[in-house]
C-alpha atoms as a PDB file:
ATOM      1  CA  UNK A   1      -4.190  -9.186 -14.408  1.00  0.00           C
ATOM      2  CA  UNK A   2      -1.159 -10.982 -13.034  1.00  0.00           C
ATOM      3  CA  UNK A   3      -0.998 -13.517 -10.248  1.00  0.00           C
ATOM      4  CA  UNK A   4       0.537 -10.783  -8.070  1.00  0.00           C
ATOM      5  CA  UNK A   5      -2.392  -8.459  -8.826  1.00  0.00           C
ATOM      6  CA  UNK A   6      -4.840 -11.205  -7.876  1.00  0.00           C
ATOM      7  CA  UNK A   7      -2.978 -11.826  -4.626  1.00  0.00           C
ATOM      8  CA  UNK A   8      -2.858  -8.094  -3.782  1.00  0.00           C
ATOM      9  CA  UNK A   9      -6.590  -7.842  -4.450  1.00  0.00           C
ATOM     10  CA  UNK A  10      -7.228 -10.906  -2.288  1.00  0.00           C
ATOM     11  CA  UNK A  11      -5.294  -9.338   0.605  1.00  0.00           C
ATOM     12  CA  UNK A  12      -7.372  -6.166   0.394  1.00  0.00           C
ATOM     13  CA  UNK A  13     -10.576  -8.197   0.318  1.00  0.00           C
ATOM     14  CA  UNK A  14      -9.420 -10.137   3.392  1.00  0.00           C
ATOM     15  CA  UNK A  15      -8.665  -6.860   5.186  1.00  0.00           C
ATOM     16  CA  UNK A  16     -12.144  -5.553   4.399  1.00  0.00           C
ATOM     17  CA  UNK A  17     -13.722  -8.833   5.535  1.00  0.00           C
ATOM     18  CA  UNK A  18     -11.865  -8.719   8.853  1.00  0.00           C
ATOM     19  CA  UNK A  19     -13.172  -5.170   9.323  1.00  0.00           C
ATOM     20  CA  UNK A  20     -16.698  -6.468   8.704  1.00  0.00           C
ATOM     21  CA  UNK A  21     -16.103  -9.288  11.191  1.00  0.00           C
ATOM     22  CA  UNK A  22     -14.921  -6.730  13.762  1.00  0.00           C
ATOM     23  CA  UNK A  23     -18.253  -4.926  13.504  1.00  0.00           C
ATOM     24  CA  UNK A  24     -20.089  -8.274  13.837  1.00  0.00           C
ATOM     25  CA  UNK A  25     -18.066  -9.427  16.862  1.00  0.00           C
ATOM     26  CA  UNK A  26     -19.834  -9.678  20.194  1.00  0.00           C
ATOM     27  CA  UNK A  27     -16.582 -10.195  22.088  1.00  0.00           C
ATOM     28  CA  UNK A  28     -14.136  -7.304  22.614  1.00  0.00           C
ATOM     29  CA  UNK A  29     -11.085  -9.547  22.206  1.00  0.00           C
ATOM     30  CA  UNK A  30     -12.388 -10.865  18.884  1.00  0.00           C
ATOM     31  CA  UNK A  31     -13.152  -7.330  17.684  1.00  0.00           C
ATOM     32  CA  UNK A  32      -9.626  -6.203  18.548  1.00  0.00           C
ATOM     33  CA  UNK A  33      -8.065  -9.205  16.801  1.00  0.00           C
ATOM     34  CA  UNK A  34     -10.140  -8.578  13.669  1.00  0.00           C
ATOM     35  CA  UNK A  35      -9.173  -4.877  13.665  1.00  0.00           C
ATOM     36  CA  UNK A  36      -5.498  -5.786  13.999  1.00  0.00           C
ATOM     37  CA  UNK A  37      -5.819  -8.274  11.133  1.00  0.00           C
ATOM     38  CA  UNK A  38      -7.670  -5.757   8.946  1.00  0.00           C
ATOM     39  CA  UNK A  39      -4.995  -3.122   9.513  1.00  0.00           C
ATOM     40  CA  UNK A  40      -2.034  -5.361   8.818  1.00  0.00           C
ATOM     41  CA  UNK A  41      -3.587  -7.075   5.781  1.00  0.00           C
ATOM     42  CA  UNK A  42      -4.669  -3.715   4.383  1.00  0.00           C
ATOM     43  CA  UNK A  43      -1.108  -2.456   4.370  1.00  0.00           C
ATOM     44  CA  UNK A  44       0.179  -5.789   3.037  1.00  0.00           C
ATOM     45  CA  UNK A  45      -2.291  -5.317   0.173  1.00  0.00           C
ATOM     46  CA  UNK A  46      -1.090  -1.773  -0.465  1.00  0.00           C
ATOM     47  CA  UNK A  47       2.540  -2.893  -0.588  1.00  0.00           C
ATOM     48  CA  UNK A  48       1.649  -5.787  -2.896  1.00  0.00           C
ATOM     49  CA  UNK A  49      -0.179  -3.408  -5.257  1.00  0.00           C
ATOM     50  CA  UNK A  50       2.732  -0.942  -5.180  1.00  0.00           C
ATOM     51  CA  UNK A  51       5.133  -3.790  -5.996  1.00  0.00           C
ATOM     52  CA  UNK A  52       2.913  -4.856  -8.884  1.00  0.00           C
ATOM     53  CA  UNK A  53       2.821  -1.312 -10.273  1.00  0.00           C
ATOM     54  CA  UNK A  54       6.607  -1.085  -9.916  1.00  0.00           C
ATOM     55  CA  UNK A  55       6.955  -4.374 -11.843  1.00  0.00           C
ATOM     56  CA  UNK A  56       4.948  -2.879 -14.698  1.00  0.00           C
ATOM     57  CA  UNK A  57       7.566  -0.175 -15.197  1.00  0.00           C
ATOM     58  CA  UNK A  58      10.931  -1.608 -14.127  1.00  0.00           C
ATOM     59  CA  UNK A  59      11.749  -2.802 -17.654  1.00  0.00           C
ATOM     60  CA  UNK A  60      10.916   0.548 -19.233  1.00  0.00           C
ATOM     61  CA  UNK A  61      13.603   2.224 -21.324  1.00  0.00           C
ATOM     62  CA  UNK A  62      15.180   5.365 -19.924  1.00  0.00           C
ATOM     63  CA  UNK A  63      15.135   4.507 -16.243  1.00  0.00           C
ATOM     64  CA  UNK A  64      18.286   5.295 -14.317  1.00  0.00           C
ATOM     65  CA  UNK A  65      19.880   2.732 -12.023  1.00  0.00           C
ATOM     66  CA  UNK A  66      18.628   4.763  -9.057  1.00  0.00           C
ATOM     67  CA  UNK A  67      15.061   4.744 -10.378  1.00  0.00           C
ATOM     68  CA  UNK A  68      15.200   0.984 -10.920  1.00  0.00           C
ATOM     69  CA  UNK A  69      16.635   0.633  -7.429  1.00  0.00           C
ATOM     70  CA  UNK A  70      13.564   2.368  -5.954  1.00  0.00           C
ATOM     71  CA  UNK A  71      11.210   0.214  -8.022  1.00  0.00           C
ATOM     72  CA  UNK A  72      12.984  -3.019  -7.081  1.00  0.00           C
ATOM     73  CA  UNK A  73      14.092  -1.990  -3.585  1.00  0.00           C
ATOM     74  CA  UNK A  74      17.674  -2.849  -4.433  1.00  0.00           C
ATOM     75  CA  UNK A  75      20.943  -1.115  -3.744  1.00  0.00           C
ATOM     76  CA  UNK A  76      23.057   0.796  -6.261  1.00  0.00           C
ATOM     77  CA  UNK A  77      26.816   1.020  -6.363  1.00  0.00           C
ATOM     78  CA  UNK A  78      29.469   2.462  -8.620  1.00  0.00           C
ATOM     79  CA  UNK A  79      31.205  -0.044 -10.901  1.00  0.00           C
ATOM     80  CA  UNK A  80      33.602   0.878 -13.708  1.00  0.00           C
ATOM     81  CA  UNK A  81      32.490   4.497 -13.498  1.00  0.00           C
ATOM     82  CA  UNK A  82      28.760   3.904 -13.706  1.00  0.00           C
ATOM     83  CA  UNK A  83      25.923   3.193 -11.311  1.00  0.00           C
ATOM     84  CA  UNK A  84      24.667  -0.402 -11.383  1.00  0.00           C
ATOM     85  CA  UNK A  85      22.038  -2.319  -9.451  1.00  0.00           C
ATOM     86  CA  UNK A  86      23.314  -4.663  -6.781  1.00  0.00           C
ATOM     87  CA  UNK A  87      21.204  -7.673  -5.891  1.00  0.00           C
ATOM     88  CA  UNK A  88      21.005  -6.545  -2.269  1.00  0.00           C
ATOM     89  CA  UNK A  89      17.840  -5.381  -0.538  1.00  0.00           C
ATOM     90  CA  UNK A  90      17.592  -1.682   0.157  1.00  0.00           C
ATOM     91  CA  UNK A  91      14.250  -0.811   1.693  1.00  0.00           C
ATOM     92  CA  UNK A  92      12.451   2.340   0.592  1.00  0.00           C
ATOM     93  CA  UNK A  93       9.687   3.809   2.734  1.00  0.00           C
ATOM     94  CA  UNK A  94       6.265   2.940   1.332  1.00  0.00           C
ATOM     95  CA  UNK A  95       5.134   6.553   1.079  1.00  0.00           C
ATOM     96  CA  UNK A  96       8.335   7.439  -0.803  1.00  0.00           C
ATOM     97  CA  UNK A  97       7.740   4.663  -3.329  1.00  0.00           C
ATOM     98  CA  UNK A  98       4.175   5.897  -3.788  1.00  0.00           C
ATOM     99  CA  UNK A  99       5.415   9.452  -4.320  1.00  0.00           C
ATOM    100  CA  UNK A 100       8.056   8.224  -6.766  1.00  0.00           C
ATOM    101  CA  UNK A 101       5.630   6.116  -8.799  1.00  0.00           C
ATOM    102  CA  UNK A 102       3.141   8.949  -8.982  1.00  0.00           C
ATOM    103  CA  UNK A 103       5.635  11.604 -10.068  1.00  0.00           C
ATOM    104  CA  UNK A 104       7.754   9.438 -12.369  1.00  0.00           C
ATOM    105  CA  UNK A 105       4.916   7.869 -14.319  1.00  0.00           C
ATOM    106  CA  UNK A 106       2.304  10.644 -14.232  1.00  0.00           C
ATOM    107  CA  UNK A 107       4.711  13.581 -14.404  1.00  0.00           C
ATOM    108  CA  UNK A 108       3.113  15.267 -11.391  1.00  0.00           C
ATOM    109  CA  UNK A 109       3.873  15.269  -7.669  1.00  0.00           C
ATOM    110  CA  UNK A 110       1.282  14.097  -5.180  1.00  0.00           C
ATOM    111  CA  UNK A 111      -0.793  16.919  -3.758  1.00  0.00           C
ATOM    112  CA  UNK A 112       0.149  16.519  -0.102  1.00  0.00           C
ATOM    113  CA  UNK A 113      -2.804  18.628   1.036  1.00  0.00           C
ATOM    114  CA  UNK A 114      -5.376  16.091  -0.165  1.00  0.00           C
ATOM    115  CA  UNK A 115      -7.190  14.270   2.623  1.00  0.00           C
ATOM    116  CA  UNK A 116      -6.361  10.759   1.348  1.00  0.00           C
ATOM    117  CA  UNK A 117      -2.644  11.497   1.783  1.00  0.00           C
ATOM    118  CA  UNK A 118      -2.974  12.620   5.407  1.00  0.00           C
ATOM    119  CA  UNK A 119      -5.295   9.681   6.116  1.00  0.00           C
ATOM    120  CA  UNK A 120      -2.726   7.328   4.579  1.00  0.00           C
ATOM    121  CA  UNK A 121      -0.020   8.748   6.832  1.00  0.00           C
ATOM    122  CA  UNK A 122      -2.293   8.305   9.870  1.00  0.00           C
ATOM    123  CA  UNK A 123      -2.949   4.719   8.772  1.00  0.00           C
ATOM    124  CA  UNK A 124       0.779   4.088   8.379  1.00  0.00           C
ATOM    125  CA  UNK A 125       1.295   5.376  11.911  1.00  0.00           C
ATOM    126  CA  UNK A 126      -1.384   2.953  13.130  1.00  0.00           C
ATOM    127  CA  UNK A 127       0.304   0.078  11.279  1.00  0.00           C
ATOM    128  CA  UNK A 128       3.700   1.082  12.669  1.00  0.00           C
ATOM    129  CA  UNK A 129       2.272   1.269  16.199  1.00  0.00           C
ATOM    130  CA  UNK A 130       1.121  -2.332  15.793  1.00  0.00           C
ATOM    131  CA  UNK A 131       4.339  -3.496  14.144  1.00  0.00           C
ATOM    132  CA  UNK A 132       6.716  -1.703  16.514  1.00  0.00           C
ATOM    133  CA  UNK A 133       4.698  -1.188  19.713  1.00  0.00           C
ATOM    134  CA  UNK A 134       6.049   1.020  22.434  1.00  0.00           C
ATOM    135  CA  UNK A 135       3.012   0.167  24.522  1.00  0.00           C
ATOM    136  CA  UNK A 136      -0.322  -1.461  23.810  1.00  0.00           C
ATOM    137  CA  UNK A 137      -1.798   0.531  20.928  1.00  0.00           C
ATOM    138  CA  UNK A 138      -5.530   1.101  20.968  1.00  0.00           C
ATOM    139  CA  UNK A 139      -7.030   0.408  17.565  1.00  0.00           C
ATOM    140  CA  UNK A 140     -10.556   1.643  16.902  1.00  0.00           C
ATOM    141  CA  UNK A 141     -12.933   0.549  14.189  1.00  0.00           C
ATOM    142  CA  UNK A 142     -13.106   4.141  12.952  1.00  0.00           C
ATOM    143  CA  UNK A 143      -9.303   4.365  12.627  1.00  0.00           C
ATOM    144  CA  UNK A 144      -9.151   1.099  10.684  1.00  0.00           C
ATOM    145  CA  UNK A 145     -12.002   2.196   8.396  1.00  0.00           C
ATOM    146  CA  UNK A 146     -10.146   5.435   7.659  1.00  0.00           C
ATOM    147  CA  UNK A 147      -6.900   3.551   7.036  1.00  0.00           C
ATOM    148  CA  UNK A 148      -8.534   1.086   4.617  1.00  0.00           C
ATOM    149  CA  UNK A 149     -10.317   3.898   2.792  1.00  0.00           C
ATOM    150  CA  UNK A 150      -6.982   5.735   2.529  1.00  0.00           C
ATOM    151  CA  UNK A 151      -5.393   2.604   1.042  1.00  0.00           C
ATOM    152  CA  UNK A 152      -8.198   2.321  -1.521  1.00  0.00           C
ATOM    153  CA  UNK A 153      -7.955   6.050  -2.303  1.00  0.00           C
ATOM    154  CA  UNK A 154      -4.179   5.834  -2.669  1.00  0.00           C
ATOM    155  CA  UNK A 155      -4.510   2.965  -5.115  1.00  0.00           C
ATOM    156  CA  UNK A 156      -7.168   4.865  -7.029  1.00  0.00           C
ATOM    157  CA  UNK A 157      -4.977   7.971  -7.267  1.00  0.00           C
ATOM    158  CA  UNK A 158      -2.080   5.830  -8.524  1.00  0.00           C
ATOM    159  CA  UNK A 159      -4.254   4.005 -11.042  1.00  0.00           C
ATOM    160  CA  UNK A 160      -5.803   7.198 -12.389  1.00  0.00           C
ATOM    161  CA  UNK A 161      -2.498   9.056 -12.585  1.00  0.00           C
ATOM    162  CA  UNK A 162      -0.516   6.152 -14.058  1.00  0.00           C
ATOM    163  CA  UNK A 163      -2.981   3.921 -15.938  1.00  0.00           C
ATOM    164  CA  UNK A 164      -5.676   6.552 -16.628  1.00  0.00           C
ATOM    165  CA  UNK A 165      -8.324   4.241 -15.146  1.00  0.00           C
ATOM    166  CA  UNK A 166      -9.957   3.888 -11.740  1.00  0.00           C
ATOM    167  CA  UNK A 167      -8.793   1.258  -9.269  1.00  0.00           C
ATOM    168  CA  UNK A 168     -10.899  -1.802 -10.245  1.00  0.00           C
ATOM    169  CA  UNK A 169     -12.629  -2.388  -6.887  1.00  0.00           C
ATOM    170  CA  UNK A 170     -13.063   1.284  -5.967  1.00  0.00           C
ATOM    171  CA  UNK A 171     -16.859   1.070  -6.104  1.00  0.00           C
ATOM    172  CA  UNK A 172     -16.919  -1.646  -3.440  1.00  0.00           C
ATOM    173  CA  UNK A 173     -15.577   0.797  -0.817  1.00  0.00           C
ATOM    174  CA  UNK A 174     -15.214  -1.237   2.403  1.00  0.00           C
ATOM    175  CA  UNK A 175     -17.594  -3.999   1.383  1.00  0.00           C
ATOM    176  CA  UNK A 176     -15.733  -7.261   0.961  1.00  0.00           C
ATOM    177  CA  UNK A 177     -16.405  -9.783  -1.783  1.00  0.00           C
ATOM    178  CA  UNK A 178     -15.494 -12.538   0.710  1.00  0.00           C
ATOM    179  CA  UNK A 179     -17.833 -14.381   3.016  1.00  0.00           C
ATOM    180  CA  UNK A 180     -15.913 -16.283   5.661  1.00  0.00           C
END
């Protein structure tokens, strides 16, 4: 496991611990703050894991410049008649990177009718509502639980399809290894 993997795992554990703290909170403001933290850290963890998976494959032979660009979130331009990576950030939507990783390295598209995929999209909407509020979003414990489970399920699907092994902390579900 790399340092990045350890950090991604730590972020997910922190997200799960903040969810636990939300259920322990006796104050509504504290519960809301913990739910916000759990949501944001959960998606930070997912992005960190996706980046780590991308790093595992970016040096692989046979990748096109466009495929490397998705893995590295860099731009591509034409130079001397060929496509080359440009050291300039070009963001790719998280769900598109997940779809790309799954298809490119497992050979199969994601089954969009599976519940984890729709739950992930609902969780992304929740995260986006917090990140780019158009009002004061209401975040429930149930919604955050579903979002964190979707993150764990997404990572498990990626691990199984790419590495042929379950996501290492799958069995922990929403129970955190942390105690703060």
